[in-house]
C-alpha atoms as a PDB file:
ATOM      1  CA  UNK A   1     -58.707  51.038-175.767  1.00  0.00           C
ATOM      2  CA  UNK A   2     -55.154  52.326-176.405  1.00  0.00           C
ATOM      3  CA  UNK A   3     -52.761  50.479-178.822  1.00  0.00           C
ATOM      4  CA  UNK A   4     -49.176  49.888-179.017  1.00  0.00           C
ATOM      5  CA  UNK A   5     -47.009  48.329-181.954  1.00  0.00           C
ATOM      6  CA  UNK A   6     -43.801  46.848-181.340  1.00  0.00           C
ATOM      7  CA  UNK A   7     -41.571  47.381-184.434  1.00  0.00           C
ATOM      8  CA  UNK A   8     -38.848  44.956-185.274  1.00  0.00           C
ATOM      9  CA  UNK A   9     -36.330  44.635-188.258  1.00  0.00           C
ATOM     10  CA  UNK A  10     -37.245  41.907-190.615  1.00  0.00           C
ATOM     11  CA  UNK A  11     -34.825  39.322-189.435  1.00  0.00           C
ATOM     12  CA  UNK A  12     -34.611  40.303-185.903  1.00  0.00           C
ATOM     13  CA  UNK A  13     -35.101  37.430-183.357  1.00  0.00           C
ATOM     14  CA  UNK A  14     -36.905  39.118-180.448  1.00  0.00           C
ATOM     15  CA  UNK A  15     -38.478  36.755-177.990  1.00  0.00           C
ATOM     16  CA  UNK A  16     -39.037  39.882-175.711  1.00  0.00           C
ATOM     17  CA  UNK A  17     -41.897  40.950-177.986  1.00  0.00           C
ATOM     18  CA  UNK A  18     -43.960  37.807-177.286  1.00  0.00           C
ATOM     19  CA  UNK A  19     -42.996  38.307-173.511  1.00  0.00           C
ATOM     20  CA  UNK A  20     -44.220  42.051-173.652  1.00  0.00           C
ATOM     21  CA  UNK A  21     -47.444  41.177-175.419  1.00  0.00           C
ATOM     22  CA  UNK A  22     -48.277  38.401-172.592  1.00  0.00           C
ATOM     23  CA  UNK A  23     -47.326  40.816-169.852  1.00  0.00           C
ATOM     24  CA  UNK A  24     -49.543  43.475-171.215  1.00  0.00           C
ATOM     25  CA  UNK A  25     -52.456  41.167-171.518  1.00  0.00           C
ATOM     26  CA  UNK A  26     -52.342  40.690-167.815  1.00  0.00           C
ATOM     27  CA  UNK A  27     -50.951  43.845-166.428  1.00  0.00           C
ATOM     28  CA  UNK A  28     -52.573  46.481-168.812  1.00  0.00           C
ATOM     29  CA  UNK A  29     -55.742  44.860-170.193  1.00  0.00           C
ATOM     30  CA  UNK A  30     -56.706  48.302-171.652  1.00  0.00           C
ATOM     31  CA  UNK A  31     -53.846  48.106-173.960  1.00  0.00           C
ATOM     32  CA  UNK A  32     -53.843  46.062-177.289  1.00  0.00           C
ATOM     33  CA  UNK A  33     -50.436  45.305-178.444  1.00  0.00           C
ATOM     34  CA  UNK A  34     -49.362  44.395-181.916  1.00  0.00           C
ATOM     35  CA  UNK A  35     -46.273  43.073-183.480  1.00  0.00           C
ATOM     36  CA  UNK A  36     -45.032  44.500-186.855  1.00  0.00           C
ATOM     37  CA  UNK A  37     -44.083  41.088-188.062  1.00  0.00           C
ATOM     38  CA  UNK A  38     -47.894  40.654-188.243  1.00  0.00           C
ATOM     39  CA  UNK A  39     -48.620  44.103-189.605  1.00  0.00           C
ATOM     40  CA  UNK A  40     -45.769  45.024-192.015  1.00  0.00           C
ATOM     41  CA  UNK A  41     -47.629  47.608-193.853  1.00  0.00           C
ATOM     42  CA  UNK A  42     -48.579  49.637-190.668  1.00  0.00           C
ATOM     43  CA  UNK A  43     -49.203  53.419-190.445  1.00  0.00           C
ATOM     44  CA  UNK A  44     -47.199  54.554-187.295  1.00  0.00           C
ATOM     45  CA  UNK A  45     -49.852  57.279-186.834  1.00  0.00           C
ATOM     46  CA  UNK A  46     -52.565  54.510-186.346  1.00  0.00           C
ATOM     47  CA  UNK A  47     -51.226  53.521-182.959  1.00  0.00           C
ATOM     48  CA  UNK A  48     -50.943  55.304-179.455  1.00  0.00           C
ATOM     49  CA  UNK A  49     -47.441  54.020-178.691  1.00  0.00           C
ATOM     50  CA  UNK A  50     -44.771  52.983-181.461  1.00  0.00           C
ATOM     51  CA  UNK A  51     -42.194  51.022-179.587  1.00  0.00           C
ATOM     52  CA  UNK A  52     -39.119  50.543-181.912  1.00  0.00           C
ATOM     53  CA  UNK A  53     -36.239  47.958-181.349  1.00  0.00           C
ATOM     54  CA  UNK A  54     -33.348  50.044-182.778  1.00  0.00           C
ATOM     55  CA  UNK A  55     -31.955  50.224-185.293  1.00  0.00           C
ATOM     56  CA  UNK A  56     -32.505  53.484-186.725  1.00  0.00           C
ATOM     57  CA  UNK A  57     -35.594  55.899-186.721  1.00  0.00           C
ATOM     58  CA  UNK A  58     -35.035  58.674-189.138  1.00  0.00           C
ATOM     59  CA  UNK A  59     -38.586  59.608-189.675  1.00  0.00           C
ATOM     60  CA  UNK A  60     -39.623  60.128-186.104  1.00  0.00           C
ATOM     61  CA  UNK A  61     -43.078  59.169-186.832  1.00  0.00           C
ATOM     62  CA  UNK A  62     -45.647  58.360-184.111  1.00  0.00           C
ATOM     63  CA  UNK A  63     -47.820  59.789-181.600  1.00  0.00           C
ATOM     64  CA  UNK A  64     -45.697  58.466-178.705  1.00  0.00           C
ATOM     65  CA  UNK A  65     -42.393  56.873-179.412  1.00  0.00           C
ATOM     66  CA  UNK A  66     -40.206  54.610-177.487  1.00  0.00           C
ATOM     67  CA  UNK A  67     -36.768  53.544-178.644  1.00  0.00           C
ATOM     68  CA  UNK A  68     -35.569  50.276-177.120  1.00  0.00           C
ATOM     69  CA  UNK A  69     -31.793  49.433-177.384  1.00  0.00           C
ATOM     70  CA  UNK A  70     -31.726  45.822-176.469  1.00  0.00           C
ATOM     71  CA  UNK A  71     -28.212  45.357-177.747  1.00  0.00           C
ATOM     72  CA  UNK A  72     -25.210  47.351-178.820  1.00  0.00           C
ATOM     73  CA  UNK A  73     -24.031  47.455-182.451  1.00  0.00           C
ATOM     74  CA  UNK A  74     -22.111  44.530-183.774  1.00  0.00           C
ATOM     75  CA  UNK A  75     -20.140  43.955-187.076  1.00  0.00           C
ATOM     76  CA  UNK A  76     -17.494  46.185-188.256  1.00  0.00           C
ATOM     77  CA  UNK A  77     -16.806  49.474-186.240  1.00  0.00           C
ATOM     78  CA  UNK A  78     -19.362  48.907-183.822  1.00  0.00           C
ATOM     79  CA  UNK A  79     -18.831  51.554-181.590  1.00  0.00           C
ATOM     80  CA  UNK A  80     -18.897  53.971-184.414  1.00  0.00           C
ATOM     81  CA  UNK A  81     -22.227  52.597-185.327  1.00  0.00           C
ATOM     82  CA  UNK A  82     -23.255  53.299-181.717  1.00  0.00           C
ATOM     83  CA  UNK A  83     -22.316  56.741-182.185  1.00  0.00           C
ATOM     84  CA  UNK A  84     -23.997  57.225-185.792  1.00  0.00           C
ATOM     85  CA  UNK A  85     -27.225  56.023-184.138  1.00  0.00           C
ATOM     86  CA  UNK A  86     -26.990  58.433-181.232  1.00  0.00           C
ATOM     87  CA  UNK A  87     -26.703  61.315-183.682  1.00  0.00           C
ATOM     88  CA  UNK A  88     -29.216  60.462-186.481  1.00  0.00           C
ATOM     89  CA  UNK A  89     -32.053  58.948-184.484  1.00  0.00           C
ATOM     90  CA  UNK A  90     -34.809  61.245-183.853  1.00  0.00           C
ATOM     91  CA  UNK A  91     -35.431  62.111-180.347  1.00  0.00           C
ATOM     92  CA  UNK A  92     -38.027  59.862-178.816  1.00  0.00           C
ATOM     93  CA  UNK A  93     -40.508  60.268-175.888  1.00  0.00           C
ATOM     94  CA  UNK A  94     -38.781  57.372-173.834  1.00  0.00           C
ATOM     95  CA  UNK A  95     -35.973  55.163-174.268  1.00  0.00           C
ATOM     96  CA  UNK A  96     -35.338  51.513-172.878  1.00  0.00           C
ATOM     97  CA  UNK A  97     -31.916  49.940-172.503  1.00  0.00           C
ATOM     98  CA  UNK A  98     -30.934  46.299-172.002  1.00  0.00           C
ATOM     99  CA  UNK A  99     -28.937  47.431-169.094  1.00  0.00           C
ATOM    100  CA  UNK A 100     -26.816  50.276-167.747  1.00  0.00           C
ATOM    101  CA  UNK A 101     -23.604  49.174-169.758  1.00  0.00           C
ATOM    102  CA  UNK A 102     -25.769  49.595-173.084  1.00  0.00           C
ATOM    103  CA  UNK A 103     -27.065  52.876-171.988  1.00  0.00           C
ATOM    104  CA  UNK A 104     -23.429  54.236-171.027  1.00  0.00           C
ATOM    105  CA  UNK A 105     -22.180  52.876-174.510  1.00  0.00           C
ATOM    106  CA  UNK A 106     -24.763  54.805-176.518  1.00  0.00           C
ATOM    107  CA  UNK A 107     -24.072  57.940-174.469  1.00  0.00           C
ATOM    108  CA  UNK A 108     -27.291  59.928-174.905  1.00  0.00           C
ATOM    109  CA  UNK A 109     -27.012  63.050-173.000  1.00  0.00           C
ATOM    110  CA  UNK A 110     -30.481  64.729-172.760  1.00  0.00           C
ATOM    111  CA  UNK A 111     -33.515  64.581-170.664  1.00  0.00           C
ATOM    112  CA  UNK A 112     -35.458  61.829-172.398  1.00  0.00           C
ATOM    113  CA  UNK A 113     -36.812  59.474-169.465  1.00  0.00           C
ATOM    114  CA  UNK A 114     -35.216  56.095-169.753  1.00  0.00           C
ATOM    115  CA  UNK A 115     -35.377  52.520-168.108  1.00  0.00           C
ATOM    116  CA  UNK A 116     -33.512  49.291-168.083  1.00  0.00           C
ATOM    117  CA  UNK A 117     -34.911  45.940-168.993  1.00  0.00           C
ATOM    118  CA  UNK A 118     -32.488  42.837-168.714  1.00  0.00           C
ATOM    119  CA  UNK A 119     -32.921  39.751-170.579  1.00  0.00           C
ATOM    120  CA  UNK A 120     -35.718  37.225-169.505  1.00  0.00           C
ATOM    121  CA  UNK A 121     -36.539  33.495-170.075  1.00  0.00           C
ATOM    122  CA  UNK A 122     -39.903  32.136-171.383  1.00  0.00           C
ATOM    123  CA  UNK A 123     -42.149  29.957-169.488  1.00  0.00           C
ATOM    124  CA  UNK A 124     -41.449  27.026-171.791  1.00  0.00           C
ATOM    125  CA  UNK A 125     -37.837  26.731-170.681  1.00  0.00           C
ATOM    126  CA  UNK A 126     -38.814  26.179-167.010  1.00  0.00           C
ATOM    127  CA  UNK A 127     -41.608  23.823-168.052  1.00  0.00           C
ATOM    128  CA  UNK A 128     -39.867  21.494-170.533  1.00  0.00           C
ATOM    129  CA  UNK A 129     -38.607  17.788-169.229  1.00  0.00           C
ATOM    130  CA  UNK A 130     -35.084  16.602-170.178  1.00  0.00           C
ATOM    131  CA  UNK A 131     -35.063  13.890-172.886  1.00  0.00           C
ATOM    132  CA  UNK A 132     -31.415  13.726-173.899  1.00  0.00           C
ATOM    133  CA  UNK A 133     -30.756  12.244-177.316  1.00  0.00           C
ATOM    134  CA  UNK A 134     -27.567  14.157-178.211  1.00  0.00           C
ATOM    135  CA  UNK A 135     -24.570  14.744-176.154  1.00  0.00           C
ATOM    136  CA  UNK A 136     -24.511  18.464-176.837  1.00  0.00           C
ATOM    137  CA  UNK A 137     -26.770  21.112-178.003  1.00  0.00           C
ATOM    138  CA  UNK A 138     -25.909  24.439-179.454  1.00  0.00           C
ATOM    139  CA  UNK A 139     -28.562  27.114-180.100  1.00  0.00           C
ATOM    140  CA  UNK A 140     -27.664  30.585-181.535  1.00  0.00           C
ATOM    141  CA  UNK A 141     -26.198  32.319-184.307  1.00  0.00           C
ATOM    142  CA  UNK A 142     -23.913  30.639-186.933  1.00  0.00           C
ATOM    143  CA  UNK A 143     -22.542  34.001-188.059  1.00  0.00           C
ATOM    144  CA  UNK A 144     -20.821  35.648-184.972  1.00  0.00           C
ATOM    145  CA  UNK A 145     -17.170  34.620-186.230  1.00  0.00           C
ATOM    146  CA  UNK A 146     -15.306  31.639-186.844  1.00  0.00           C
ATOM    147  CA  UNK A 147     -15.587  30.019-183.289  1.00  0.00           C
ATOM    148  CA  UNK A 148     -18.799  28.266-184.153  1.00  0.00           C
ATOM    149  CA  UNK A 149     -17.257  26.470-187.150  1.00  0.00           C
ATOM    150  CA  UNK A 150     -14.207  25.743-185.329  1.00  0.00           C
ATOM    151  CA  UNK A 151     -16.328  24.099-182.691  1.00  0.00           C
ATOM    152  CA  UNK A 152     -18.017  21.918-185.379  1.00  0.00           C
ATOM    153  CA  UNK A 153     -14.804  21.073-186.903  1.00  0.00           C
ATOM    154  CA  UNK A 154     -13.906  19.445-183.404  1.00  0.00           C
ATOM    155  CA  UNK A 155     -16.813  17.154-183.894  1.00  0.00           C
ATOM    156  CA  UNK A 156     -15.344  15.705-187.110  1.00  0.00           C
ATOM    157  CA  UNK A 157     -12.184  15.027-185.302  1.00  0.00           C
ATOM    158  CA  UNK A 158     -11.665  14.457-181.627  1.00  0.00           C
ATOM    159  CA  UNK A 159     -15.344  14.320-181.034  1.00  0.00           C
ATOM    160  CA  UNK A 160     -16.431  11.996-183.659  1.00  0.00           C
ATOM    161  CA  UNK A 161     -17.921   9.689-181.219  1.00  0.00           C
ATOM    162  CA  UNK A 162     -20.156  12.364-179.560  1.00  0.00           C
ATOM    163  CA  UNK A 163     -23.317  13.940-181.038  1.00  0.00           C
ATOM    164  CA  UNK A 164     -24.595  17.617-181.421  1.00  0.00           C
ATOM    165  CA  UNK A 165     -27.710  19.092-182.251  1.00  0.00           C
ATOM    166  CA  UNK A 166     -27.458  22.718-183.692  1.00  0.00           C
ATOM    167  CA  UNK A 167     -30.565  24.649-183.330  1.00  0.00           C
ATOM    168  CA  UNK A 168     -31.304  27.392-185.793  1.00  0.00           C
ATOM    169  CA  UNK A 169     -30.753  28.339-189.260  1.00  0.00           C
ATOM    170  CA  UNK A 170     -27.543  27.490-191.064  1.00  0.00           C
ATOM    171  CA  UNK A 171     -26.589  28.519-194.484  1.00  0.00           C
ATOM    172  CA  UNK A 172     -26.069  26.144-197.575  1.00  0.00           C
ATOM    173  CA  UNK A 173     -22.160  26.215-197.401  1.00  0.00           C
ATOM    174  CA  UNK A 174     -22.231  24.893-193.673  1.00  0.00           C
ATOM    175  CA  UNK A 175     -24.731  22.214-194.298  1.00  0.00           C
ATOM    176  CA  UNK A 176     -23.017  21.062-197.276  1.00  0.00           C
ATOM    177  CA  UNK A 177     -19.714  20.981-195.183  1.00  0.00           C
ATOM    178  CA  UNK A 178     -21.032  18.659-192.573  1.00  0.00           C
ATOM    179  CA  UNK A 179     -23.651  16.605-194.476  1.00  0.00           C
ATOM    180  CA  UNK A 180     -21.521  13.365-194.171  1.00  0.00           C
ATOM    181  CA  UNK A 181     -21.155  13.854-190.514  1.00  0.00           C
ATOM    182  CA  UNK A 182     -24.069  12.049-188.909  1.00  0.00           C
ATOM    183  CA  UNK A 183     -22.919  12.921-185.374  1.00  0.00           C
ATOM    184  CA  UNK A 184     -23.719  16.698-186.257  1.00  0.00           C
ATOM    185  CA  UNK A 185     -27.492  17.302-186.805  1.00  0.00           C
ATOM    186  CA  UNK A 186     -29.060  20.443-187.824  1.00  0.00           C
ATOM    187  CA  UNK A 187     -32.477  21.424-186.824  1.00  0.00           C
ATOM    188  CA  UNK A 188     -32.911  24.059-189.361  1.00  0.00           C
ATOM    189  CA  UNK A 189     -35.157  27.187-188.698  1.00  0.00           C
ATOM    190  CA  UNK A 190     -37.771  26.544-185.805  1.00  0.00           C
ATOM    191  CA  UNK A 191     -40.522  28.362-184.257  1.00  0.00           C
ATOM    192  CA  UNK A 192     -39.412  29.935-180.942  1.00  0.00           C
ATOM    193  CA  UNK A 193     -41.944  27.931-179.035  1.00  0.00           C
ATOM    194  CA  UNK A 194     -40.314  24.780-180.184  1.00  0.00           C
ATOM    195  CA  UNK A 195     -36.927  25.636-178.967  1.00  0.00           C
ATOM    196  CA  UNK A 196     -37.146  24.342-175.368  1.00  0.00           C
ATOM    197  CA  UNK A 197     -38.235  20.983-176.453  1.00  0.00           C
ATOM    198  CA  UNK A 198     -35.274  20.733-178.860  1.00  0.00           C
ATOM    199  CA  UNK A 199     -32.692  22.144-176.218  1.00  0.00           C
ATOM    200  CA  UNK A 200     -33.827  19.281-173.787  1.00  0.00           C
ATOM    201  CA  UNK A 201     -32.427  16.786-176.318  1.00  0.00           C
ATOM    202  CA  UNK A 202     -29.002  17.897-175.479  1.00  0.00           C
ATOM    203  CA  UNK A 203     -27.080  16.640-172.338  1.00  0.00           C
ATOM    204  CA  UNK A 204     -24.671  19.715-172.116  1.00  0.00           C
ATOM    205  CA  UNK A 205     -25.471  23.272-173.474  1.00  0.00           C
ATOM    206  CA  UNK A 206     -22.855  24.783-175.560  1.00  0.00           C
ATOM    207  CA  UNK A 207     -22.213  28.498-175.462  1.00  0.00           C
ATOM    208  CA  UNK A 208     -19.747  29.507-178.118  1.00  0.00           C
ATOM    209  CA  UNK A 209     -19.215  33.269-178.401  1.00  0.00           C
ATOM    210  CA  UNK A 210     -16.153  35.466-179.338  1.00  0.00           C
ATOM    211  CA  UNK A 211     -14.568  37.235-176.598  1.00  0.00           C
ATOM    212  CA  UNK A 212     -14.955  40.582-178.280  1.00  0.00           C
ATOM    213  CA  UNK A 213     -16.976  43.554-178.193  1.00  0.00           C
ATOM    214  CA  UNK A 214     -19.988  43.668-177.843  1.00  0.00           C
ATOM    215  CA  UNK A 215     -20.830  39.914-177.497  1.00  0.00           C
ATOM    216  CA  UNK A 216     -18.633  39.698-174.492  1.00  0.00           C
ATOM    217  CA  UNK A 217     -20.339  42.405-172.551  1.00  0.00           C
ATOM    218  CA  UNK A 218     -24.006  41.266-173.095  1.00  0.00           C
ATOM    219  CA  UNK A 219     -26.307  38.667-171.724  1.00  0.00           C
ATOM    220  CA  UNK A 220     -26.221  35.363-173.760  1.00  0.00           C
ATOM    221  CA  UNK A 221     -29.920  34.416-173.872  1.00  0.00           C
ATOM    222  CA  UNK A 222     -29.091  30.805-174.775  1.00  0.00           C
ATOM    223  CA  UNK A 223     -27.173  30.454-171.547  1.00  0.00           C
ATOM    224  CA  UNK A 224     -30.080  31.712-169.346  1.00  0.00           C
ATOM    225  CA  UNK A 225     -32.451  29.160-171.333  1.00  0.00           C
ATOM    226  CA  UNK A 226     -29.895  26.313-170.867  1.00  0.00           C
ATOM    227  CA  UNK A 227     -29.880  27.027-167.020  1.00  0.00           C
ATOM    228  CA  UNK A 228     -33.714  27.367-166.922  1.00  0.00           C
ATOM    229  CA  UNK A 229     -33.636  23.859-168.391  1.00  0.00           C
ATOM    230  CA  UNK A 230     -31.199  22.644-166.040  1.00  0.00           C
ATOM    231  CA  UNK A 231     -28.631  22.036-168.416  1.00  0.00           C
ATOM    232  CA  UNK A 232     -24.799  21.827-167.571  1.00  0.00           C
ATOM    233  CA  UNK A 233     -23.223  24.779-169.374  1.00  0.00           C
ATOM    234  CA  UNK A 234     -20.058  24.442-171.499  1.00  0.00           C
ATOM    235  CA  UNK A 235     -18.766  27.881-172.477  1.00  0.00           C
ATOM    236  CA  UNK A 236     -16.050  30.047-173.878  1.00  0.00           C
ATOM    237  CA  UNK A 237     -14.841  32.432-171.326  1.00  0.00           C
ATOM    238  CA  UNK A 238     -15.661  36.028-171.527  1.00  0.00           C
ATOM    239  CA  UNK A 239     -16.644  39.003-169.185  1.00  0.00           C
ATOM    240  CA  UNK A 240     -20.446  38.757-169.097  1.00  0.00           C
ATOM    241  CA  UNK A 241     -20.687  34.816-168.403  1.00  0.00           C
ATOM    242  CA  UNK A 242     -17.905  35.082-165.839  1.00  0.00           C
ATOM    243  CA  UNK A 243     -19.766  37.751-163.912  1.00  0.00           C
ATOM    244  CA  UNK A 244     -23.052  35.789-164.363  1.00  0.00           C
ATOM    245  CA  UNK A 245     -21.768  32.597-163.031  1.00  0.00           C
ATOM    246  CA  UNK A 246     -19.974  34.349-160.068  1.00  0.00           C
ATOM    247  CA  UNK A 247     -23.137  36.114-159.223  1.00  0.00           C
ATOM    248  CA  UNK A 248     -25.445  33.158-159.444  1.00  0.00           C
ATOM    249  CA  UNK A 249     -23.048  30.721-157.823  1.00  0.00           C
ATOM    250  CA  UNK A 250     -22.794  28.656-160.822  1.00  0.00           C
ATOM    251  CA  UNK A 251     -19.867  26.633-162.388  1.00  0.00           C
ATOM    252  CA  UNK A 252     -19.648  26.052-165.997  1.00  0.00           C
ATOM    253  CA  UNK A 253     -17.032  24.224-167.894  1.00  0.00           C
ATOM    254  CA  UNK A 254     -14.536  26.719-169.621  1.00  0.00           C
ATOM    255  CA  UNK A 255     -13.456  25.843-172.930  1.00  0.00           C
ATOM    256  CA  UNK A 256      -9.976  26.531-174.389  1.00  0.00           C
ATOM    257  CA  UNK A 257      -9.874  28.667-177.633  1.00  0.00           C
ATOM    258  CA  UNK A 258      -8.721  25.775-179.678  1.00  0.00           C
ATOM    259  CA  UNK A 259     -11.564  23.527-178.042  1.00  0.00           C
ATOM    260  CA  UNK A 260      -8.927  20.914-177.282  1.00  0.00           C
ATOM    261  CA  UNK A 261     -10.077  20.433-173.762  1.00  0.00           C
ATOM    262  CA  UNK A 262     -13.610  19.475-174.885  1.00  0.00           C
ATOM    263  CA  UNK A 263     -13.536  15.991-174.267  1.00  0.00           C
ATOM    264  CA  UNK A 264     -16.225  13.565-172.789  1.00  0.00           C
ATOM    265  CA  UNK A 265     -13.596  12.569-169.962  1.00  0.00           C
ATOM    266  CA  UNK A 266     -13.017  16.259-169.007  1.00  0.00           C
ATOM    267  CA  UNK A 267     -16.764  16.815-168.850  1.00  0.00           C
ATOM    268  CA  UNK A 268     -17.680  13.744-167.084  1.00  0.00           C
ATOM    269  CA  UNK A 269     -15.166  14.645-164.184  1.00  0.00           C
ATOM    270  CA  UNK A 270     -16.146  18.202-163.936  1.00  0.00           C
ATOM    271  CA  UNK A 271     -18.166  19.509-161.097  1.00  0.00           C
ATOM    272  CA  UNK A 272     -21.001  21.363-162.814  1.00  0.00           C
ATOM    273  CA  UNK A 273     -23.393  23.936-161.021  1.00  0.00           C
ATOM    274  CA  UNK A 274     -26.132  25.064-163.135  1.00  0.00           C
ATOM    275  CA  UNK A 275     -27.381  28.156-161.485  1.00  0.00           C
ATOM    276  CA  UNK A 276     -30.925  28.957-160.896  1.00  0.00           C
ATOM    277  CA  UNK A 277     -32.547  31.539-163.117  1.00  0.00           C
ATOM    278  CA  UNK A 278     -36.208  31.316-161.604  1.00  0.00           C
ATOM    279  CA  UNK A 279     -35.995  35.075-160.884  1.00  0.00           C
ATOM    280  CA  UNK A 280     -35.451  35.724-164.503  1.00  0.00           C
ATOM    281  CA  UNK A 281     -38.877  34.684-165.817  1.00  0.00           C
ATOM    282  CA  UNK A 282     -39.979  37.288-168.274  1.00  0.00           C
ATOM    283  CA  UNK A 283     -43.004  38.239-166.157  1.00  0.00           C
ATOM    284  CA  UNK A 284     -40.585  38.995-163.316  1.00  0.00           C
ATOM    285  CA  UNK A 285     -38.140  40.807-165.139  1.00  0.00           C
ATOM    286  CA  UNK A 286     -40.606  43.009-166.866  1.00  0.00           C
ATOM    287  CA  UNK A 287     -42.541  43.803-163.841  1.00  0.00           C
ATOM    288  CA  UNK A 288     -39.347  44.628-161.950  1.00  0.00           C
ATOM    289  CA  UNK A 289     -38.161  46.989-164.721  1.00  0.00           C
ATOM    290  CA  UNK A 290     -41.359  49.052-164.777  1.00  0.00           C
ATOM    291  CA  UNK A 291     -40.813  49.951-168.229  1.00  0.00           C
ATOM    292  CA  UNK A 292     -44.784  49.987-169.044  1.00  0.00           C
ATOM    293  CA  UNK A 293     -45.567  52.075-165.884  1.00  0.00           C
ATOM    294  CA  UNK A 294     -45.896  55.206-168.038  1.00  0.00           C
ATOM    295  CA  UNK A 295     -48.840  53.668-170.103  1.00  0.00           C
ATOM    296  CA  UNK A 296     -51.175  54.692-167.304  1.00  0.00           C
ATOM    297  CA  UNK A 297     -50.344  58.495-167.756  1.00  0.00           C
ATOM    298  CA  UNK A 298     -51.096  58.479-171.539  1.00  0.00           C
END
């Protein structure tokens, strides 16, 4: 039996690894898959395939090496970071990119074979039943700019009578800042398999992302998950989600940058159309991508 190790950074949130392992169990039963989170002291040469979520790969160790670029670089000087990664990373045997835009932005010009694998949705999001307890739910990072905090401030003023459940880790400063606001509830860190059940507790799904590179060009995982759950989507306006809603025939409520239009009255009168994402289940996305077809040739 051949082996494959999916290598992630220590703090990386990668639901695709669990999806990959599930897919391989069914489609390639001759392949045993491992997650580096479970084997942190691994030796790359002990596995037939090393699949790295990039990051950097300076050593280039591994019998057969796959580099997956599932996002563009973020933070300060993101495009410069893309260039640095292109130049310093060792040449792999294969590359996988989130989509063609990510492939173009990294700009590799060599003959390394590559594939594309779009974002998918885990089965639990299609199976969970609505059980609203809060007016809004927000799932995602608290560290992508000031937009999230400005949104929370809105719940201390104009939306004092509305409640929000914030799913995920928040630093101590944020928890201290909102501890006396009973309408703002933080779940704290949760296991990924528990996220669908928590998301169903919201009446509306909030997507608060800055309209800047690279976030405005990449799929918002939480939006796909909201849609799988059937939640109406309330979102900031930017390139990716505009294209997504147009392509899927959906209609979400567009937030003003200052959140002043985020009121119960405006939402209740809005004609939401939550698009179907049934074609974006992880199994379908991975199968369509054919990114694991090469395994049969090893």
